[in-house]
Amino acid sequence: MAPLLSLLTALLLFSYGPGGSLGCDLSQDHVEVSKENIALLHQMQRISSFRCRKDRKNFGFLREMVDGSHIQKAQAISVLHEMLQETSIIFGSEQSSTAWNMTLLHGLLSGLHRQLEDLGTCLMPQMKEAESALGMEDPTLAVKRYFQGIHLYLKEKQYSDCAWEIVRVEIKRAFSLSTNLLERLGNQDRDLGSL
């Protein structure tokens, strides 16, 4: 948990340097949709996490980025965007549709799509800045590796109920921390706008 918190803190610090904001408005609506997604993930619980304790796994959420700590302003938005996109892929899979309540699953996928659209508008103006960071690993690759580990875990566990429960809890935790980051980014954007 500490590495994830360190990563999100690093994202926050490096997203806002002396130059100001990320150049896009992360509206309060975006944060609210993120909170709704967390609530849906909570409601999706079908079995006790305690029952699945033998299946627990440390997915090492973005540990590589914590060690690198050379995050560009645009990379914070890029990482959040990639997290949402990869989560959409996992919960949009055929295997997922048989594991969850369809009403809750559709609500989650709809919320993820709305967030992706919001962040997509923030991502476009920032792409040139991110591309100019030569010699550095693209932080979205770390996100892709993290989610690749989740995909492999689900496959190894044959998409069992416990495997889905472990993944649900893992993604809910990551979303909770990223929502805190989004709230701080939005608050800093508003604070900088009032100067």
Protein backbone atom coordinates (compact mmCIF):
# COMPACT_ATOMS: atom_id res chain seq x y z
CA MET A 1 0.00 0.00 0.00
CA ALA A 2 2.86 2.39 0.79
CA PRO A 3 4.38 2.14 -2.72
CA LEU A 4 1.01 2.98 -4.27
CA LEU A 5 0.54 5.99 -2.00
CA SER A 6 4.10 7.11 -2.82
CA LEU A 7 3.37 6.79 -6.53
CA LEU A 8 0.22 8.87 -6.32
CA THR A 9 2.00 11.48 -4.21
CA ALA A 10 4.80 11.59 -6.79
CA LEU A 11 2.23 11.96 -9.57
CA LEU A 12 0.65 14.86 -7.75
CA LEU A 13 3.94 16.62 -7.04
CA PHE A 14 5.32 16.20 -10.53
CA SER A 15 2.03 17.08 -12.19
CA TYR A 16 2.20 20.56 -10.74
CA GLY A 17 5.48 22.32 -10.95
CA PRO A 18 6.26 26.03 -11.08
CA GLY A 19 4.45 26.19 -14.42
CA GLY A 20 1.02 25.65 -12.95
CA SER A 21 -1.72 23.24 -13.92
CA LEU A 22 -1.99 20.35 -16.28
CA GLY A 23 -3.75 22.57 -18.77
CA CYS A 24 -7.12 20.88 -18.52
CA ASP A 25 -10.06 21.15 -16.18
CA LEU A 26 -10.73 18.04 -14.12
CA SER A 27 -14.27 18.87 -13.18
CA GLN A 28 -15.93 17.92 -9.94
CA ASP A 29 -18.21 15.74 -12.08
CA HIS A 30 -15.19 13.63 -13.07
CA VAL A 31 -14.34 13.06 -9.40
CA GLU A 32 -17.97 12.22 -8.62
CA VAL A 33 -18.07 9.63 -11.42
CA SER A 34 -14.90 8.13 -9.98
CA LYS A 35 -16.56 7.88 -6.56
CA GLU A 36 -19.62 6.29 -8.17
CA ASN A 37 -17.35 3.72 -9.82
CA ILE A 38 -15.81 2.90 -6.44
CA ALA A 39 -19.29 2.50 -4.94
CA LEU A 40 -20.27 0.18 -7.80
CA LEU A 41 -17.13 -1.89 -7.29
CA HIS A 42 -18.08 -2.15 -3.61
CA GLN A 43 -21.64 -3.25 -4.47
CA MET A 44 -20.33 -5.86 -6.91
CA GLN A 45 -18.95 -7.99 -4.06
CA ARG A 46 -20.55 -11.43 -4.30
CA ILE A 47 -18.40 -13.45 -1.91
CA SER A 48 -16.41 -12.68 1.20
CA SER A 49 -12.87 -11.46 0.62
CA PHE A 50 -11.94 -13.42 3.73
CA ARG A 51 -13.03 -16.63 2.03
CA CYS A 52 -10.56 -15.83 -0.78
CA ARG A 53 -7.58 -15.04 1.45
CA LYS A 54 -5.57 -17.98 0.05
CA ASP A 55 -5.87 -16.42 -3.42
CA ARG A 56 -4.52 -13.00 -2.41
CA LYS A 57 -1.75 -11.61 -4.55
CA ASN A 58 0.40 -8.51 -4.46
CA PHE A 59 0.12 -7.09 -7.96
CA GLY A 60 2.83 -4.49 -7.20
CA PHE A 61 0.81 -1.50 -8.32
CA LEU A 62 3.14 0.62 -10.45
CA ARG A 63 6.19 0.01 -8.27
CA GLU A 64 8.52 0.85 -11.18
CA MET A 65 7.22 4.41 -11.34
CA VAL A 66 7.83 5.05 -7.66
CA ASP A 67 11.47 4.18 -8.12
CA GLY A 68 11.86 6.31 -11.26
CA SER A 69 10.27 9.52 -9.91
CA HIS A 70 10.89 11.43 -13.17
CA ILE A 71 7.25 11.96 -13.97
CA GLN A 72 6.33 14.70 -16.43
CA LYS A 73 3.23 16.84 -16.00
CA ALA A 74 1.36 15.08 -18.78
CA GLN A 75 2.28 11.67 -17.47
CA ALA A 76 -0.02 11.92 -14.43
CA ILE A 77 -3.07 12.26 -16.68
CA SER A 78 -1.66 9.63 -19.02
CA VAL A 79 -1.29 7.12 -16.16
CA LEU A 80 -4.84 7.75 -14.92
CA HIS A 81 -6.18 7.40 -18.46
CA GLU A 82 -4.36 4.10 -18.96
CA MET A 83 -5.69 2.79 -15.62
CA LEU A 84 -9.26 3.51 -16.70
CA GLN A 85 -8.73 2.02 -20.14
CA GLU A 86 -7.19 -1.20 -18.79
CA THR A 87 -9.94 -1.50 -16.15
CA SER A 88 -12.52 -1.17 -18.94
CA ILE A 89 -10.86 -4.01 -20.80
CA ILE A 90 -10.88 -6.28 -17.75
CA PHE A 91 -14.49 -5.61 -16.77
CA GLY A 92 -15.64 -5.48 -20.39
CA SER A 93 -14.37 -8.99 -21.10
CA GLU A 94 -16.64 -11.92 -21.85
CA GLN A 95 -15.42 -13.67 -18.69
CA SER A 96 -16.36 -10.65 -16.61
CA SER A 97 -19.91 -10.58 -17.90
CA THR A 98 -20.54 -14.03 -16.42
CA ALA A 99 -19.02 -13.12 -13.06
CA TRP A 100 -20.96 -9.99 -12.09
CA ASN A 101 -24.44 -8.55 -11.74
CA MET A 102 -25.07 -7.10 -15.22
CA THR A 103 -26.77 -3.93 -13.97
CA LEU A 104 -23.81 -3.06 -11.74
CA LEU A 105 -21.31 -4.06 -14.43
CA HIS A 106 -22.99 -1.87 -17.06
CA GLY A 107 -23.04 1.04 -14.60
CA LEU A 108 -19.31 0.61 -13.95
CA LEU A 109 -18.47 0.37 -17.65
CA SER A 110 -20.56 3.46 -18.38
CA GLY A 111 -18.79 5.42 -15.64
CA LEU A 112 -15.38 4.29 -16.89
CA HIS A 113 -16.31 5.42 -20.40
CA ARG A 114 -17.36 8.87 -19.12
CA GLN A 115 -14.08 9.24 -17.24
CA LEU A 116 -12.08 8.13 -20.27
CA GLU A 117 -13.78 10.79 -22.37
CA ASP A 118 -12.98 13.47 -19.75
CA LEU A 119 -9.35 12.47 -19.46
CA GLY A 120 -9.07 12.04 -23.23
CA THR A 121 -9.67 15.76 -23.69
CA CYS A 122 -6.94 16.45 -21.13
CA LEU A 123 -4.60 13.96 -22.74
CA MET A 124 -4.53 15.34 -26.27
CA PRO A 125 -2.91 18.74 -25.58
CA GLN A 126 -0.37 17.07 -23.30
CA MET A 127 0.84 14.40 -25.73
CA LYS A 128 3.62 16.51 -27.29
CA GLU A 129 5.03 17.27 -23.84
CA ALA A 130 5.00 13.58 -22.96
CA GLU A 131 6.60 12.63 -26.28
CA SER A 132 9.45 15.06 -25.65
CA ALA A 133 10.54 13.14 -22.54
CA LEU A 134 13.24 11.25 -24.43
CA GLY A 135 15.28 8.64 -22.62
CA MET A 136 12.56 7.94 -20.06
CA GLU A 137 10.29 4.94 -19.94
CA ASP A 138 6.72 5.80 -20.73
CA PRO A 139 4.90 5.49 -17.37
CA THR A 140 1.89 4.01 -19.12
CA LEU A 141 4.05 0.95 -19.82
CA ALA A 142 4.25 0.36 -16.06
CA VAL A 143 0.44 0.57 -15.91
CA LYS A 144 0.18 -1.91 -18.78
CA ARG A 145 2.54 -4.33 -17.00
CA TYR A 146 0.48 -4.03 -13.81
CA PHE A 147 -2.73 -4.85 -15.66
CA GLN A 148 -1.02 -7.60 -17.64
CA GLY A 149 -0.28 -9.19 -14.24
CA ILE A 150 -3.98 -8.96 -13.40
CA HIS A 151 -4.96 -10.54 -16.73
CA LEU A 152 -2.47 -13.39 -16.19
CA TYR A 153 -3.69 -13.91 -12.62
CA LEU A 154 -7.32 -14.22 -13.76
CA LYS A 155 -6.32 -16.65 -16.50
CA GLU A 156 -4.16 -18.76 -14.14
CA LYS A 157 -7.03 -18.93 -11.66
CA GLN A 158 -9.42 -19.80 -14.51
CA TYR A 159 -11.54 -16.73 -13.81
CA SER A 160 -12.74 -18.25 -10.53
CA ASP A 161 -15.06 -16.35 -8.23
CA CYS A 162 -12.21 -15.78 -5.78
CA ALA A 163 -9.90 -14.51 -8.53
CA TRP A 164 -12.53 -11.98 -9.58
CA GLU A 165 -13.04 -10.96 -5.95
CA ILE A 166 -9.30 -10.37 -5.45
CA VAL A 167 -9.18 -8.29 -8.66
CA ARG A 168 -12.29 -6.33 -7.67
CA VAL A 169 -10.72 -5.41 -4.31
CA GLU A 170 -7.38 -4.53 -5.96
CA ILE A 171 -8.93 -2.23 -8.55
CA LYS A 172 -11.25 -0.65 -5.96
CA ARG A 173 -8.19 0.17 -3.84
CA ALA A 174 -6.32 1.65 -6.82
CA PHE A 175 -9.39 3.69 -7.80
CA SER A 176 -9.78 5.02 -4.25
CA LEU A 177 -6.23 6.33 -4.25
CA SER A 178 -6.47 7.72 -7.77
CA THR A 179 -9.74 9.47 -6.87
CA ASN A 180 -7.94 11.20 -4.00
CA LEU A 181 -5.33 12.29 -6.53
CA LEU A 182 -8.04 13.56 -8.91
CA GLU A 183 -9.64 15.57 -6.11
CA ARG A 184 -6.31 17.19 -5.26
CA LEU A 185 -5.58 17.92 -8.93
CA GLY A 186 -9.02 19.49 -9.32
CA ASN A 187 -8.61 21.54 -6.14
CA GLN A 188 -5.18 22.76 -7.21
CA ASP A 189 -6.56 23.66 -10.64
CA ARG A 190 -9.28 25.75 -8.96
CA ASP A 191 -6.78 27.31 -6.54
CA LEU A 192 -4.43 28.23 -9.37
CA GLY A 193 -7.34 29.66 -11.35
CA SER A 194 -8.21 32.02 -8.51
CA LEU A 195 -4.71 33.53 -8.37
